[in-house]
Amino acid sequence: MAGGQGAGAGGPEGGAGGPEGGAGRDPDQPPRIPMPRASLEDGDGPLPTPAQPEAPEASASGALVLEHRVLKALLGAWALAACSGEETLAVEEHLGECGACADEALRLRDAVGLLHPPESLDLDPALRTRVLERCLDRRPPRIPVPEWAAPYDAETARLDALLQDIGDAEWHAPVRLRWFEDDGPTSRRTTVAGVIAHLLTVDGLVALALGLDDPLGDVPAERPTPAARTEAYWRTSYFPPTRAVRAPWREQTHDLVRTVSFTSGSGSARLAVPYGDFELPLHDAMLDRAFECWVHAEDIAEAVDYPYEPPSPRHLHRMIDLAARTLPAVLARRRQSGLASPGRERHLAVAGEPGRSLRLEIEGSGGGEWLIPLDSPAAVGSTEFEVAHVALDGVEFCRLAAGHVPPEEAAAGQVGDRGAIRDVLFAAASLSRM
């Protein structure tokens, strides 16, 4: 057969398909194994033009015209603000025309809001301290801020940052100052600007002790107490205080920190700051002012619906320690006024000797333990004579000491002498004042 002969000629006997690469092959016939093709880019011919995608249509407003199913699929991304600008415009134009998609978009946007609860816009209170410590590790300051003045420096800076963010109208937002007097809560209505005026005039007591100008100027106060000085400032103002009070308050805070920093090595910490009815050493007065600054910053933040965090644990611990150290003297004053139960001892404990004590345990941020002598401010707290134990959260204790939590409602763990526990809780609330 002809086919059989062709097959034999191309076999291993030396045909065209053999290893010799075409020996004996008819030159007019094409090779059985084709040669490689040359690349199109290597030739001289023109390259083909690639197909261009069709441009999407646009509406009269410039928005993309997309199918309903595509727009509906984009609603989730739109709610998360993950669409491109063109897609966002197309979706929002569609929402004005399609009620079903508009309802779905509203539900998705509400769901996204639940996934992202509001967070404080304030920086972490510890961040400022960490940044300063790192800077100071590299180059110590020539005049450092004393450790006992650092809480005041930090709290006034935080409050000033809050004041910077509020609008003009919010300076007139109503604020109710709250404190505890005798055996009951009391309050005074003012505004955000009025609170800053209050801080300005009471901080002025420290300024006077340091030889700085009195923010009251020539305005007379009935008594040199925080409340009387504040009332005098409010009473003599021709108009209710406005945001203009921020500048003198801020300047005074800077002057106080700068002055105590310059004089800290000269024994100024032992300087007494008179409050009218009592006095505090300068280092305790600065802690007291830091505490009140934080408390009233929370009052302001609540009035303008702004989140506000407690102080850093290190500073909070110092404030709690001041309150715990002050409790024995407040207990003694309340006992003299008949507001506290008389001690079991007929006479006050000998100064420096151990006496009946209450263990105050502060949990959480800035916490610790303090033994509070119950029968005399001169006595020493002792585990041997411990008659009661009270446990409180740190922030809860501070709000009790600020008069913002009634003693009966303080969430405290209590064990031991019920009368002693009641006396200490009421004494803690009595630390508050206007």
Foldseek 3Di string as FASTA:
>chain_A
DVVVVVVVQCDQPDHCVHPVNGVVHDPVDDRPDDDDDDDPVPDPDDDDDDDDDDDFDADPVRAGDDDPVVLLVCLLCVLVVNDDPNSVVNNVVVLVVDVVSVVVSVVNNVVVCVVDDDDAPFDDLCPVVVVVVVVCVVPNDPQDFDPLLVLLVSLLVRLLVVLVPDDQVQQFQKFWQWAQDQQGIDIDIGGNQLLLLLLLQQVQLLCVLLVHDHPCHPQDFPFQASVRSSVSVCVPDPDRGGSVSSVSSSVSSVVSRVSCSVCVVVPQQQRWRDRGVGIDRSSLVSLVSSLSSLVVSVRSCVRVVHDDDDHALVSLLVNVVSLLLCLQVLLVVCVVVVSADADPDPDADDAAAEAAWEWEFEDDRNTDIDTHHRRHSRHHGDPVRYFKYKYAYSVLLSCLLQRNANLVRGPIDIDGDPRSSSSSSSSSSNNHDD
